[in-house]
Amino acid sequence: MTNTSMTGLKAGFSTPVLSSQAVFRQVLTAMSRPGTVQRIQSLPPAEPPLLPATAAVCLTLVDFETPLWLDAPLAASNAAGYLRFHCGCPLAAEPVAASFALISDPAAMPALCAFNPGRQDYPDRSATLIIQVSALAEGEGVRLSGPGIQESARLRVDGLPDRFWVEQEANRSLFPRGVDLVFTTSDAVAAMPRTTQVES
């Protein structure tokens, strides 16, 4: 198996079914246990600035039924073609139109309120944000509580703008509406569902 497809883009998973199943379980664990960091073993090649773990999450979750919004660095790179080719996803022109949003530059990301929070009668139709960060670490950083967490947990997420945590609290207050958050590094994933309460 080479690292390029017939289009000249890098290949996806070498074993698509097994790899996507493994990554899905890890993302599900991250969502159900906020504050934990899952190391992804099935890492595909990725087109920069897309990180391998981010590519793995996208190849697992994104498909032809889920419009994907890309931030400016990704939209201007080969990553856009890579994701269209391997996921078959339409690209959303605006954040509010996306089922998934992919952010490679958190410092310049739109406010969380710019993305679709779902409707009161259909809260599951909200967006999931996949945000690339510089580092993730358990046991330090902000204090988390809520469903899936026994008493409390701590998670350090490096690379987010200071305004992010204020926006996240406003997002949580929308429950049952609100966006869900997935953080990725080069080889790991952590998650923060809309139900998670954050304290500094």
C-alpha atoms as a PDB file:
ATOM      1  CA  MET A   1       0.000   0.000   0.000  1.00  0.00           C
ATOM      2  CA  THR A   2       1.501   3.307  -1.055  1.00  0.00           C
ATOM      3  CA  ASN A   3       0.975   6.624   0.649  1.00  0.00           C
ATOM      4  CA  THR A   4      -0.725   8.169  -2.339  1.00  0.00           C
ATOM      5  CA  SER A   5      -4.018   7.480  -4.040  1.00  0.00           C
ATOM      6  CA  MET A   6      -4.703   7.710  -7.757  1.00  0.00           C
ATOM      7  CA  THR A   7      -5.470  11.404  -7.246  1.00  0.00           C
ATOM      8  CA  GLY A   8      -2.016  12.151  -5.843  1.00  0.00           C
ATOM      9  CA  LEU A   9      -3.451  12.654  -2.352  1.00  0.00           C
ATOM     10  CA  LYS A  10      -2.194  10.624   0.595  1.00  0.00           C
ATOM     11  CA  ALA A  11      -3.988   7.388   1.347  1.00  0.00           C
ATOM     12  CA  GLY A  12      -6.472   6.885   4.152  1.00  0.00           C
ATOM     13  CA  PHE A  13      -6.539   3.930   6.544  1.00  0.00           C
ATOM     14  CA  SER A  14      -4.580   0.890   5.323  1.00  0.00           C
ATOM     15  CA  THR A  15      -7.334  -1.335   6.816  1.00  0.00           C
ATOM     16  CA  PRO A  16     -10.430   0.904   6.623  1.00  0.00           C
ATOM     17  CA  VAL A  17     -12.984  -1.280   8.433  1.00  0.00           C
ATOM     18  CA  LEU A  18     -10.784  -2.404  11.320  1.00  0.00           C
ATOM     19  CA  SER A  19      -9.128   0.987  11.754  1.00  0.00           C
ATOM     20  CA  SER A  20     -12.373   2.976  11.699  1.00  0.00           C
ATOM     21  CA  GLN A  21     -13.932   0.585  14.226  1.00  0.00           C
ATOM     22  CA  ALA A  22     -10.945   0.987  16.544  1.00  0.00           C
ATOM     23  CA  VAL A  23     -10.945   4.779  16.260  1.00  0.00           C
ATOM     24  CA  PHE A  24     -14.720   4.935  16.747  1.00  0.00           C
ATOM     25  CA  ARG A  25     -14.364   3.046  20.045  1.00  0.00           C
ATOM     26  CA  GLN A  26     -11.657   5.466  21.185  1.00  0.00           C
ATOM     27  CA  VAL A  27     -13.698   8.545  20.271  1.00  0.00           C
ATOM     28  CA  LEU A  28     -16.720   7.031  22.010  1.00  0.00           C
ATOM     29  CA  THR A  29     -14.620   6.400  25.129  1.00  0.00           C
ATOM     30  CA  ALA A  30     -13.332   9.979  25.031  1.00  0.00           C
ATOM     31  CA  MET A  31     -16.896  11.321  24.752  1.00  0.00           C
ATOM     32  CA  SER A  32     -18.273   9.095  27.505  1.00  0.00           C
ATOM     33  CA  ARG A  33     -15.323   9.780  29.837  1.00  0.00           C
ATOM     34  CA  PRO A  34     -14.537  13.498  29.536  1.00  0.00           C
ATOM     35  CA  GLY A  35     -11.056  14.357  30.774  1.00  0.00           C
ATOM     36  CA  THR A  36      -9.429  11.168  29.506  1.00  0.00           C
ATOM     37  CA  VAL A  37      -6.876  11.216  26.689  1.00  0.00           C
ATOM     38  CA  GLN A  38      -7.050   8.345  24.201  1.00  0.00           C
ATOM     39  CA  ARG A  39      -3.922   7.476  22.192  1.00  0.00           C
ATOM     40  CA  ILE A  40      -4.911   6.484  18.672  1.00  0.00           C
ATOM     41  CA  GLN A  41      -3.022   3.520  17.255  1.00  0.00           C
ATOM     42  CA  SER A  42      -4.587   3.462  13.778  1.00  0.00           C
ATOM     43  CA  LEU A  43      -3.102   6.630  12.330  1.00  0.00           C
ATOM     44  CA  PRO A  44      -3.454   7.268   8.584  1.00  0.00           C
ATOM     45  CA  PRO A  45      -1.154   9.527   6.586  1.00  0.00           C
ATOM     46  CA  ALA A  46      -2.503  13.079   6.593  1.00  0.00           C
ATOM     47  CA  GLU A  47      -2.237  16.142   4.391  1.00  0.00           C
ATOM     48  CA  PRO A  48      -0.801  19.078   6.416  1.00  0.00           C
ATOM     49  CA  PRO A  49      -1.980  21.024   8.307  1.00  0.00           C
ATOM     50  CA  LEU A  50      -4.251  18.065   9.100  1.00  0.00           C
ATOM     51  CA  LEU A  51      -2.752  16.009  11.936  1.00  0.00           C
ATOM     52  CA  PRO A  52      -2.820  12.177  11.770  1.00  0.00           C
ATOM     53  CA  ALA A  53      -5.197  11.792  14.741  1.00  0.00           C
ATOM     54  CA  THR A  54      -7.493  14.426  13.258  1.00  0.00           C
ATOM     55  CA  ALA A  55      -7.494  12.568   9.956  1.00  0.00           C
ATOM     56  CA  ALA A  56      -8.349   9.337  11.804  1.00  0.00           C
ATOM     57  CA  VAL A  57     -11.323  10.972  13.534  1.00  0.00           C
ATOM     58  CA  CYS A  58     -12.576  12.476  10.263  1.00  0.00           C
ATOM     59  CA  LEU A  59     -12.220   9.224   8.317  1.00  0.00           C
ATOM     60  CA  THR A  60     -14.252   7.545  11.065  1.00  0.00           C
ATOM     61  CA  LEU A  61     -17.043  10.072  11.673  1.00  0.00           C
ATOM     62  CA  VAL A  62     -17.456  12.216   8.553  1.00  0.00           C
ATOM     63  CA  ASP A  63     -19.319  11.005   5.453  1.00  0.00           C
ATOM     64  CA  PHE A  64     -21.495  12.117   2.535  1.00  0.00           C
ATOM     65  CA  GLU A  65     -24.369  13.017   4.876  1.00  0.00           C
ATOM     66  CA  THR A  66     -22.362  15.304   7.159  1.00  0.00           C
ATOM     67  CA  PRO A  67     -21.367  18.724   5.801  1.00  0.00           C
ATOM     68  CA  LEU A  68     -17.885  19.661   6.990  1.00  0.00           C
ATOM     69  CA  TRP A  69     -16.650  23.206   7.621  1.00  0.00           C
ATOM     70  CA  LEU A  70     -12.901  23.863   7.366  1.00  0.00           C
ATOM     71  CA  ASP A  71     -11.044  26.828   8.805  1.00  0.00           C
ATOM     72  CA  ALA A  72      -8.955  28.973   6.456  1.00  0.00           C
ATOM     73  CA  PRO A  73      -5.609  27.080   6.681  1.00  0.00           C
ATOM     74  CA  LEU A  74      -7.320  23.759   5.962  1.00  0.00           C
ATOM     75  CA  ALA A  75      -9.567  25.119   3.228  1.00  0.00           C
ATOM     76  CA  ALA A  76      -6.530  26.487   1.380  1.00  0.00           C
ATOM     77  CA  SER A  77      -4.521  23.252   1.627  1.00  0.00           C
ATOM     78  CA  ASN A  78      -4.517  19.781   0.091  1.00  0.00           C
ATOM     79  CA  ALA A  79      -6.363  18.643   3.222  1.00  0.00           C
ATOM     80  CA  ALA A  80      -9.646  19.853   1.708  1.00  0.00           C
ATOM     81  CA  GLY A  81      -9.248  17.526  -1.279  1.00  0.00           C
ATOM     82  CA  TYR A  82      -8.062  14.703   0.976  1.00  0.00           C
ATOM     83  CA  LEU A  83     -11.203  14.919   3.121  1.00  0.00           C
ATOM     84  CA  ARG A  84     -13.566  15.237   0.155  1.00  0.00           C
ATOM     85  CA  PHE A  85     -11.940  12.213  -1.499  1.00  0.00           C
ATOM     86  CA  HIS A  86     -11.734   9.893   1.515  1.00  0.00           C
ATOM     87  CA  CYS A  87     -14.903  10.949   3.373  1.00  0.00           C
ATOM     88  CA  GLY A  88     -17.114  11.924   0.448  1.00  0.00           C
ATOM     89  CA  CYS A  89     -18.337  14.868   2.494  1.00  0.00           C
ATOM     90  CA  PRO A  90     -19.763  18.136   1.185  1.00  0.00           C
ATOM     91  CA  LEU A  91     -17.947  21.230   2.416  1.00  0.00           C
ATOM     92  CA  ALA A  92     -20.046  23.814   4.260  1.00  0.00           C
ATOM     93  CA  ALA A  93     -19.529  27.442   3.305  1.00  0.00           C
ATOM     94  CA  GLU A  94     -20.468  28.768   6.754  1.00  0.00           C
ATOM     95  CA  PRO A  95     -19.888  27.362  10.267  1.00  0.00           C
ATOM     96  CA  VAL A  96     -23.619  27.271  11.062  1.00  0.00           C
ATOM     97  CA  ALA A  97     -24.272  24.914   8.110  1.00  0.00           C
ATOM     98  CA  ALA A  98     -21.830  22.218   9.265  1.00  0.00           C
ATOM     99  CA  SER A  99     -22.445  18.920  11.018  1.00  0.00           C
ATOM    100  CA  PHE A 100     -18.716  18.774  11.734  1.00  0.00           C
ATOM    101  CA  ALA A 101     -16.256  21.665  11.890  1.00  0.00           C
ATOM    102  CA  LEU A 102     -12.512  21.190  11.637  1.00  0.00           C
ATOM    103  CA  ILE A 103     -10.214  23.771  13.199  1.00  0.00           C
ATOM    104  CA  SER A 104      -6.448  23.759  12.740  1.00  0.00           C
ATOM    105  CA  ASP A 105      -5.815  27.256  14.150  1.00  0.00           C
ATOM    106  CA  PRO A 106      -7.706  27.594  17.451  1.00  0.00           C
ATOM    107  CA  ALA A 107      -6.435  31.139  18.032  1.00  0.00           C
ATOM    108  CA  ALA A 108      -8.416  32.306  15.003  1.00  0.00           C
ATOM    109  CA  MET A 109     -11.450  30.036  15.362  1.00  0.00           C
ATOM    110  CA  PRO A 110     -14.962  31.498  15.277  1.00  0.00           C
ATOM    111  CA  ALA A 111     -16.861  31.780  18.541  1.00  0.00           C
ATOM    112  CA  LEU A 112     -18.629  28.577  19.579  1.00  0.00           C
ATOM    113  CA  CYS A 113     -21.969  30.335  19.118  1.00  0.00           C
ATOM    114  CA  ALA A 114     -21.240  30.590  15.371  1.00  0.00           C
ATOM    115  CA  PHE A 115     -21.825  26.838  15.016  1.00  0.00           C
ATOM    116  CA  ASN A 116     -25.146  24.997  14.928  1.00  0.00           C
ATOM    117  CA  PRO A 117     -26.312  24.190  18.509  1.00  0.00           C
ATOM    118  CA  GLY A 118     -29.252  22.083  17.320  1.00  0.00           C
ATOM    119  CA  ARG A 119     -32.909  22.722  18.070  1.00  0.00           C
ATOM    120  CA  GLN A 120     -34.821  22.187  21.272  1.00  0.00           C
ATOM    121  CA  ASP A 121     -36.806  19.396  19.615  1.00  0.00           C
ATOM    122  CA  TYR A 122     -33.772  17.991  17.738  1.00  0.00           C
ATOM    123  CA  PRO A 123     -30.698  18.684  19.899  1.00  0.00           C
ATOM    124  CA  ASP A 124     -28.840  15.795  18.224  1.00  0.00           C
ATOM    125  CA  ARG A 125     -28.654  17.832  15.011  1.00  0.00           C
ATOM    126  CA  SER A 126     -25.998  20.092  16.483  1.00  0.00           C
ATOM    127  CA  ALA A 127     -22.414  20.405  15.265  1.00  0.00           C
ATOM    128  CA  THR A 128     -19.357  18.607  16.556  1.00  0.00           C
ATOM    129  CA  LEU A 129     -16.140  20.640  16.527  1.00  0.00           C
ATOM    130  CA  ILE A 130     -12.833  18.850  15.966  1.00  0.00           C
ATOM    131  CA  ILE A 131     -10.122  21.181  17.227  1.00  0.00           C
ATOM    132  CA  GLN A 132      -6.404  20.565  16.737  1.00  0.00           C
ATOM    133  CA  VAL A 133      -4.398  21.602  19.796  1.00  0.00           C
ATOM    134  CA  SER A 134      -0.723  21.539  20.681  1.00  0.00           C
ATOM    135  CA  ALA A 135      -0.984  19.179  23.673  1.00  0.00           C
ATOM    136  CA  LEU A 136      -3.420  17.206  25.839  1.00  0.00           C
ATOM    137  CA  ALA A 137      -2.727  15.946  29.369  1.00  0.00           C
ATOM    138  CA  GLU A 138      -4.839  14.239  32.019  1.00  0.00           C
ATOM    139  CA  GLY A 139      -4.679  15.195  35.695  1.00  0.00           C
ATOM    140  CA  GLU A 140      -3.872  18.880  35.215  1.00  0.00           C
ATOM    141  CA  GLY A 141      -5.462  21.967  33.705  1.00  0.00           C
ATOM    142  CA  VAL A 142      -9.139  22.859  34.016  1.00  0.00           C
ATOM    143  CA  ARG A 143     -11.423  20.955  36.379  1.00  0.00           C
ATOM    144  CA  LEU A 144     -14.244  19.009  34.735  1.00  0.00           C
ATOM    145  CA  SER A 145     -17.423  17.602  36.221  1.00  0.00           C
ATOM    146  CA  GLY A 146     -20.658  16.188  34.921  1.00  0.00           C
ATOM    147  CA  PRO A 147     -21.913  12.997  33.239  1.00  0.00           C
ATOM    148  CA  GLY A 148     -19.209  10.374  32.727  1.00  0.00           C
ATOM    149  CA  ILE A 149     -16.960  11.848  35.415  1.00  0.00           C
ATOM    150  CA  GLN A 150     -16.732  10.431  38.924  1.00  0.00           C
ATOM    151  CA  GLU A 151     -16.630  13.530  41.136  1.00  0.00           C
ATOM    152  CA  SER A 152     -14.147  15.501  39.006  1.00  0.00           C
ATOM    153  CA  ALA A 153     -11.323  15.225  36.484  1.00  0.00           C
ATOM    154  CA  ARG A 154      -8.690  17.568  35.143  1.00  0.00           C
ATOM    155  CA  LEU A 155      -7.668  18.091  31.540  1.00  0.00           C
ATOM    156  CA  ARG A 156      -5.007  20.376  30.121  1.00  0.00           C
ATOM    157  CA  VAL A 157      -5.674  21.564  26.590  1.00  0.00           C
ATOM    158  CA  ASP A 158      -2.841  23.679  25.187  1.00  0.00           C
ATOM    159  CA  GLY A 159      -3.339  26.101  22.335  1.00  0.00           C
ATOM    160  CA  LEU A 160      -6.866  27.392  22.933  1.00  0.00           C
ATOM    161  CA  PRO A 161      -7.611  31.133  23.069  1.00  0.00           C
ATOM    162  CA  ASP A 162      -8.435  32.557  26.508  1.00  0.00           C
ATOM    163  CA  ARG A 163     -11.984  33.381  25.396  1.00  0.00           C
ATOM    164  CA  PHE A 164     -12.672  29.712  24.697  1.00  0.00           C
ATOM    165  CA  TRP A 165     -13.592  28.754  28.269  1.00  0.00           C
ATOM    166  CA  VAL A 166     -16.119  31.580  28.622  1.00  0.00           C
ATOM    167  CA  GLU A 167     -17.686  30.474  25.340  1.00  0.00           C
ATOM    168  CA  GLN A 168     -17.711  26.860  26.464  1.00  0.00           C
ATOM    169  CA  GLU A 169     -19.657  27.732  29.620  1.00  0.00           C
ATOM    170  CA  ALA A 170     -22.202  29.634  27.518  1.00  0.00           C
ATOM    171  CA  ASN A 171     -22.417  26.601  25.254  1.00  0.00           C
ATOM    172  CA  ARG A 172     -23.086  24.302  28.237  1.00  0.00           C
ATOM    173  CA  SER A 173     -25.889  26.555  29.425  1.00  0.00           C
ATOM    174  CA  LEU A 174     -27.807  25.814  26.201  1.00  0.00           C
ATOM    175  CA  PHE A 175     -28.350  22.160  27.160  1.00  0.00           C
ATOM    176  CA  PRO A 176     -29.944  20.069  25.699  1.00  0.00           C
ATOM    177  CA  ARG A 177     -28.736  22.116  22.757  1.00  0.00           C
ATOM    178  CA  GLY A 178     -25.069  22.975  22.248  1.00  0.00           C
ATOM    179  CA  VAL A 179     -22.037  21.841  20.293  1.00  0.00           C
ATOM    180  CA  ASP A 180     -19.801  18.933  21.309  1.00  0.00           C
ATOM    181  CA  LEU A 181     -16.018  19.322  21.314  1.00  0.00           C
ATOM    182  CA  VAL A 182     -13.314  16.882  20.247  1.00  0.00           C
ATOM    183  CA  PHE A 183      -9.654  17.859  20.740  1.00  0.00           C
ATOM    184  CA  THR A 184      -6.865  16.203  18.771  1.00  0.00           C
ATOM    185  CA  THR A 185      -3.075  16.247  18.744  1.00  0.00           C
ATOM    186  CA  SER A 186      -0.834  14.339  16.361  1.00  0.00           C
ATOM    187  CA  ASP A 187      -1.685  11.000  18.001  1.00  0.00           C
ATOM    188  CA  ALA A 188      -4.371  11.528  20.655  1.00  0.00           C
ATOM    189  CA  VAL A 189      -7.964  12.572  21.196  1.00  0.00           C
ATOM    190  CA  ALA A 190      -9.990  13.932  24.129  1.00  0.00           C
ATOM    191  CA  ALA A 191     -13.542  15.191  24.225  1.00  0.00           C
ATOM    192  CA  MET A 192     -15.798  17.620  26.016  1.00  0.00           C
ATOM    193  CA  PRO A 193     -19.518  17.006  25.462  1.00  0.00           C
ATOM    194  CA  ARG A 194     -21.971  19.857  25.903  1.00  0.00           C
ATOM    195  CA  THR A 195     -22.882  18.441  29.339  1.00  0.00           C
ATOM    196  CA  THR A 196     -19.400  18.945  30.799  1.00  0.00           C
ATOM    197  CA  GLN A 197     -18.957  21.694  33.371  1.00  0.00           C
ATOM    198  CA  VAL A 198     -15.573  23.426  33.417  1.00  0.00           C
ATOM    199  CA  GLU A 199     -13.891  25.325  36.243  1.00  0.00           C
ATOM    200  CA  SER A 200     -10.422  26.833  36.242  1.00  0.00           C
END
